[in-house]
Every structure is written in C-alpha cells, then in structure tokens.
Protein backbone atom coordinates (compact mmCIF):
# COMPACT_ATOMS: atom_id res chain seq x y z
CA MET A 1 5.97 -32.40 6.62
CA PRO A 2 4.96 -29.86 4.56
CA THR A 3 3.22 -30.89 1.63
CA PRO A 4 4.05 -30.24 -1.88
CA ALA A 5 2.95 -26.50 -2.94
CA SER A 6 2.77 -27.32 -6.52
CA ALA A 7 -1.22 -28.20 -6.93
CA PHE A 8 -1.98 -24.77 -4.81
CA THR A 9 -0.09 -22.59 -7.23
CA ASP A 10 -1.17 -23.82 -10.09
CA ILE A 11 -4.79 -23.06 -9.00
CA VAL A 12 -3.67 -19.71 -7.89
CA GLN A 13 -1.73 -18.92 -11.12
CA ALA A 14 -4.53 -20.48 -12.95
CA ARG A 15 -7.34 -18.05 -11.17
CA HIS A 16 -7.88 -15.16 -13.56
CA SER A 17 -10.83 -12.64 -13.89
CA VAL A 18 -13.61 -14.08 -16.52
CA ARG A 19 -15.38 -11.35 -18.90
CA SER A 20 -17.98 -13.67 -21.02
CA PHE A 21 -19.60 -16.81 -19.65
CA LEU A 22 -21.27 -19.67 -20.73
CA PRO A 23 -25.39 -19.89 -19.96
CA ASP A 24 -25.37 -22.94 -18.70
CA PRO A 25 -25.98 -23.25 -14.57
CA LEU A 26 -23.62 -25.10 -12.62
CA SER A 27 -24.73 -27.75 -10.70
CA ALA A 28 -26.10 -27.66 -6.89
CA SER A 29 -23.01 -29.81 -5.47
CA ASP A 30 -20.62 -26.94 -7.12
CA ILE A 31 -22.22 -23.80 -5.76
CA ARG A 32 -22.45 -26.03 -2.41
CA GLY A 33 -19.16 -26.74 -2.50
CA VAL A 34 -17.59 -23.25 -3.56
CA LEU A 35 -19.71 -21.97 -0.75
CA ALA A 36 -18.24 -24.50 1.56
CA ASP A 37 -14.81 -23.84 0.80
CA ALA A 38 -15.39 -19.98 1.17
CA GLN A 39 -17.09 -20.07 4.43
CA THR A 40 -14.02 -21.62 5.81
CA ALA A 41 -12.16 -18.16 5.38
CA PRO A 42 -10.64 -16.97 8.52
CA SER A 43 -12.17 -13.46 10.23
CA ASN A 44 -11.22 -10.96 12.69
CA SER A 45 -12.02 -13.15 16.58
CA ASN A 46 -14.17 -15.36 14.46
CA THR A 47 -16.76 -13.01 13.63
CA GLN A 48 -17.75 -14.45 9.97
CA PRO A 49 -19.29 -10.85 8.69
CA TRP A 50 -20.42 -12.10 5.15
CA THR A 51 -23.78 -12.61 4.47
CA VAL A 52 -24.26 -13.64 0.86
CA HIS A 53 -27.02 -13.72 -1.31
CA VAL A 54 -26.46 -15.87 -4.51
CA VAL A 55 -29.05 -15.00 -7.73
CA SER A 56 -29.45 -17.70 -10.83
CA GLY A 57 -32.56 -18.29 -12.78
CA ALA A 58 -35.27 -16.01 -12.72
CA ALA A 59 -34.40 -13.99 -9.71
CA ARG A 60 -30.83 -13.38 -11.72
CA ASP A 61 -32.56 -12.18 -14.90
CA ALA A 62 -34.86 -10.00 -12.85
CA LEU A 63 -31.98 -8.55 -10.93
CA ALA A 64 -30.18 -7.66 -14.61
CA LYS A 65 -33.04 -5.63 -15.72
CA GLU A 66 -33.55 -3.49 -12.15
CA LEU A 67 -29.46 -2.64 -12.55
CA LEU A 68 -29.83 -1.69 -16.13
CA ARG A 69 -32.37 0.34 -15.60
CA ALA A 70 -30.75 1.85 -12.82
CA GLU A 71 -28.14 2.54 -15.06
CA GLU A 72 -30.07 4.31 -17.54
CA GLU A 73 -31.40 6.59 -14.56
CA GLY A 74 -28.79 7.47 -13.09
CA ARG A 75 -29.51 5.61 -9.52
CA THR A 76 -26.35 5.11 -8.20
CA SER A 77 -26.35 4.13 -4.64
CA PRO A 78 -22.63 2.91 -3.14
CA ASP A 79 -22.64 2.01 0.27
CA PHE A 80 -18.45 3.03 0.18
CA THR A 81 -16.23 5.46 -1.47
CA ASP A 82 -13.87 4.62 -4.41
CA GLY A 83 -11.21 6.55 -6.27
CA TYR A 84 -7.53 5.22 -7.02
CA GLY A 85 -5.71 8.51 -6.24
CA GLU A 86 -3.19 10.36 -9.01
CA GLY A 87 -0.53 7.79 -8.60
CA ILE A 88 0.37 4.29 -9.49
CA TYR A 89 -2.98 3.10 -8.72
CA LEU A 90 -4.88 5.20 -10.52
CA GLU A 91 -2.07 4.12 -13.50
CA ARG A 92 -2.66 0.31 -13.07
CA SER A 93 -6.56 0.77 -12.75
CA LYS A 94 -6.62 2.88 -16.67
CA ALA A 95 -4.14 0.10 -18.17
CA LEU A 96 -6.71 -2.58 -16.86
CA GLY A 97 -9.72 -0.57 -18.72
CA ALA A 98 -7.31 -0.21 -21.63
CA SER A 99 -6.63 -3.57 -22.05
CA VAL A 100 -10.34 -4.81 -21.74
CA TYR A 101 -11.59 -2.80 -24.19
CA ARG A 102 -8.79 -3.65 -26.64
CA SER A 103 -9.59 -7.06 -26.03
CA ARG A 104 -13.22 -6.22 -27.17
CA GLY A 105 -12.13 -4.09 -30.16
CA VAL A 106 -13.55 -1.15 -28.45
CA GLU A 107 -11.73 2.20 -29.26
CA ARG A 108 -11.11 5.09 -26.47
CA SER A 109 -13.33 7.25 -28.57
CA ASP A 110 -16.05 4.93 -28.87
CA ARG A 111 -18.12 6.22 -26.11
CA HIS A 112 -21.18 3.88 -26.73
CA GLY A 113 -19.35 1.00 -27.14
CA ARG A 114 -17.85 1.57 -23.92
CA ARG A 115 -20.98 1.75 -22.52
CA ALA A 116 -21.99 -1.30 -23.68
CA ALA A 117 -19.05 -2.92 -22.11
CA VAL A 118 -19.77 -1.24 -18.76
CA ARG A 119 -23.54 -2.49 -18.95
CA GLU A 120 -22.65 -6.02 -19.61
CA ASN A 121 -21.04 -5.99 -16.19
CA LEU A 122 -24.18 -5.25 -14.84
CA GLU A 123 -25.41 -8.49 -16.95
CA PHE A 124 -23.21 -10.48 -14.97
CA TYR A 125 -21.35 -11.00 -18.10
CA GLY A 126 -23.67 -13.44 -18.83
CA ALA A 127 -23.01 -15.75 -16.09
CA PRO A 128 -25.64 -18.09 -14.70
CA HIS A 129 -25.05 -17.00 -10.86
CA ALA A 130 -24.11 -13.90 -8.82
CA ALA A 131 -23.07 -13.67 -5.29
CA PHE A 132 -23.79 -10.53 -3.34
CA LEU A 133 -21.27 -10.08 -0.40
CA PHE A 134 -22.79 -7.68 2.34
CA MET A 135 -20.94 -7.08 5.48
CA PRO A 136 -22.26 -5.42 8.91
CA ALA A 137 -21.59 -2.22 9.78
CA LEU A 138 -18.87 -2.83 12.36
CA GLY A 139 -16.44 -0.08 13.39
CA ASP A 140 -14.84 2.08 10.57
CA GLY A 141 -15.57 -1.44 8.47
CA VAL A 142 -11.59 -1.60 7.15
CA ARG A 143 -11.21 -5.42 9.05
CA THR A 144 -14.89 -6.52 8.27
CA ALA A 145 -13.98 -6.21 4.69
CA GLY A 146 -10.92 -7.25 4.78
CA ASP A 147 -12.35 -10.19 5.92
CA ILE A 148 -14.89 -10.19 3.29
CA GLY A 149 -12.15 -10.36 0.71
CA MET A 150 -10.38 -13.33 2.40
CA TYR A 151 -14.06 -14.79 1.88
CA ALA A 152 -14.32 -13.90 -1.53
CA GLN A 153 -10.63 -15.40 -2.19
CA ASN A 154 -11.90 -18.89 -0.96
CA PHE A 155 -14.63 -18.60 -3.10
CA LEU A 156 -12.66 -17.78 -6.41
CA LEU A 157 -10.13 -19.98 -5.89
CA SER A 158 -12.89 -23.27 -5.09
CA LEU A 159 -14.47 -21.79 -8.47
CA SER A 160 -10.66 -22.47 -9.85
CA ALA A 161 -10.08 -25.28 -8.32
CA ARG A 162 -13.49 -27.07 -10.11
CA GLY A 163 -12.69 -26.05 -13.28
CA LEU A 164 -15.04 -23.17 -12.87
CA ALA A 165 -14.68 -19.43 -13.17
CA GLY A 166 -15.75 -16.17 -11.92
CA ILE A 167 -15.31 -12.35 -11.42
CA PRO A 168 -15.59 -10.11 -8.46
CA GLN A 169 -17.18 -6.82 -9.63
CA THR A 170 -16.93 -3.74 -7.31
CA VAL A 171 -19.69 -2.33 -9.96
CA LEU A 172 -22.45 -4.57 -8.63
CA GLY A 173 -21.75 -2.22 -5.31
CA VAL A 174 -22.29 1.17 -7.12
CA TYR A 175 -25.93 -0.18 -6.81
CA ALA A 176 -26.40 -1.13 -3.43
CA ASP A 177 -29.88 0.14 -2.86
CA THR A 178 -31.07 -1.62 -5.90
CA VAL A 179 -29.84 -4.87 -4.97
CA ARG A 180 -30.83 -4.33 -1.32
CA GLU A 181 -34.36 -3.60 -2.22
CA PHE A 182 -35.02 -6.49 -5.18
CA LEU A 183 -33.22 -9.40 -2.65
CA GLY A 184 -35.15 -7.58 0.40
CA VAL A 185 -31.59 -7.19 2.24
CA PRO A 186 -31.79 -4.60 5.59
CA ALA A 187 -30.15 -1.32 4.94
CA GLU A 188 -27.57 -2.18 7.94
CA LEU A 189 -26.28 -4.44 5.66
CA LYS A 190 -23.66 -3.00 2.79
CA LEU A 191 -22.71 -4.66 -0.36
CA LEU A 192 -19.26 -4.38 -0.66
CA PHE A 193 -19.17 -6.55 -4.31
CA GLY A 194 -20.38 -8.75 -6.05
CA ILE A 195 -18.90 -11.89 -7.99
CA SER A 196 -20.54 -13.33 -11.35
CA PHE A 197 -19.71 -16.94 -11.72
CA GLY A 198 -19.86 -20.10 -13.83
CA MET A 199 -18.25 -21.66 -17.01
CA ALA A 200 -15.79 -19.30 -19.08
CA ASP A 201 -16.86 -19.15 -22.51
CA PRO A 202 -13.48 -20.36 -24.50
CA ALA A 203 -14.53 -18.81 -27.35
CA ALA A 204 -14.62 -14.80 -26.51
CA PRO A 205 -11.47 -13.27 -26.86
CA VAL A 206 -11.61 -11.36 -23.53
CA ASN A 207 -11.29 -14.22 -21.76
CA THR A 208 -7.85 -14.56 -23.20
CA LEU A 209 -6.57 -11.19 -21.07
CA ARG A 210 -4.48 -11.94 -18.25
CA THR A 211 -3.44 -8.94 -16.14
CA GLU A 212 0.64 -8.48 -14.90
CA ARG A 213 1.49 -8.17 -11.16
CA VAL A 214 4.21 -6.35 -10.57
CA PRO A 215 7.42 -7.81 -9.22
CA LEU A 216 7.86 -8.96 -5.55
CA GLN A 217 10.61 -5.96 -5.20
CA GLN A 218 8.16 -3.51 -5.79
CA SER A 219 5.12 -4.97 -2.74
CA VAL A 220 7.27 -6.40 -0.31
CA VAL A 221 10.09 -5.14 2.49
CA LEU A 222 12.35 -7.83 3.80
CA HIS A 223 13.74 -7.36 7.57
CA ASP A 224 16.37 -9.86 8.41
CA THR A 225 14.95 -12.62 5.91
CA PRO A 226 17.99 -13.10 3.37
CA GLY A 227 18.09 -14.63 0.06
CA ILE A 228 14.03 -14.11 -0.98
CA LEU A 229 14.25 -11.67 -3.47
CA ASP A 230 18.15 -12.07 -4.45
CA ALA A 231 16.89 -13.40 -7.81
C-alpha cells in the first residue's frame, strides 16, 4: 500500500538555500548520516561516479583563504562552461541575483558591496563544513553530471530532514584548480560544484529569502494523463 507522502513533501518544500550559517560544527553522526543518505542516490548503470571531499575546521579555513586569494588574483579555472543564454533562464538567474542583493541591502550600483557578497561564497557563507563534488570524465559528462545532481539532492534533503541547512554553490567550481591542488585531487577528477552546510543563522535576513518556482503548466507536458493540471 502507498505510504503517506506528507512527511516527504514537508521536507522537500522546507528545503531552501541558506546564505548565512552559524559557526557551530555539526556532530560526526549527523555528517555521517547525511553522507550515507546521499550514497543511496541512483546512478547510470550503478556507476556511483561521485568522489566527495568534506572540509571542516582548520582545513576549511585554509581552503577559504586560498579561494579568496585566487579570486583576488583572478585565477579562475572552471572545469565546465556556464551561461544562461538570452531568454527565460537568464531572466530567472538575474531575478535571483537581484533578490539576494536586495535581502542584503546591497544596491545594484554598489560594486564594492556586490563583490563582498560574491566573496562570501568563497568563505562558505560562514558554514563550518563544505563538501566538494568531483566526477570522472566519462563520455560527454552529461549523464555523470546528472548522477552527481541526484547525489547532491539526497545530500540536501537529508540535511533538511535533520533540521540542518545547505546551499549548492557552482561558484566554488570556478576555482577548480585551486580546490584540487589544496585537497590533493587528481586532475582527471572534475569539480562540478560544492555544498556548504551546517546550521542556518536564524537572525540573518538573507535566510528569509525564498525563490519561486514556475507553475507546472510551464514545465510539464502530459500525454494521455488527464486531470493533473486542470486545477
């Protein structure tokens, strides 16, 4: 018999990206539990192509300094290209950026404030832990990246289920060489993105930000599946 979906729905809908964390480290049992949950993610032909490096404590602090230095020196080294085109995807990205800056009280004309906000990414938004998700170069990488995405979603939902918080950060992947060198990761493993995680700071205004999702009608096409989008 199907089980009630309400608990899962509550977790999924409660999950959101946090951009200010308390400095308190999580317990070893919580981190182990999140990693174990993430490990159950499906993958193409059960390849389980993820290699995950978690930094905490002194290692976390030292890596943040290296990332900030790389940003100051303009040493970007992304493994993957980015871009949102010129249509709706770019508009959504710009809308998010405007909302984040607005929640921080940063005006569009404030270049110093905008850069400071970007640099907070590289300090993991104050989170005590960060996980870096690496993938091997298999084929064109699309299926592997999809597998990493499913791993990351498990990771994030597990945090949410435990009353914890996280944020996936593609900007960390912009400094792939810096991260690889610091962590001793071989060049054949590519950095897709990182996840900063810990306990959300309940007093931070930016953590009240919630992003909207488009209606189902804009992203789902049904074929001989009546009644789903009638409401």
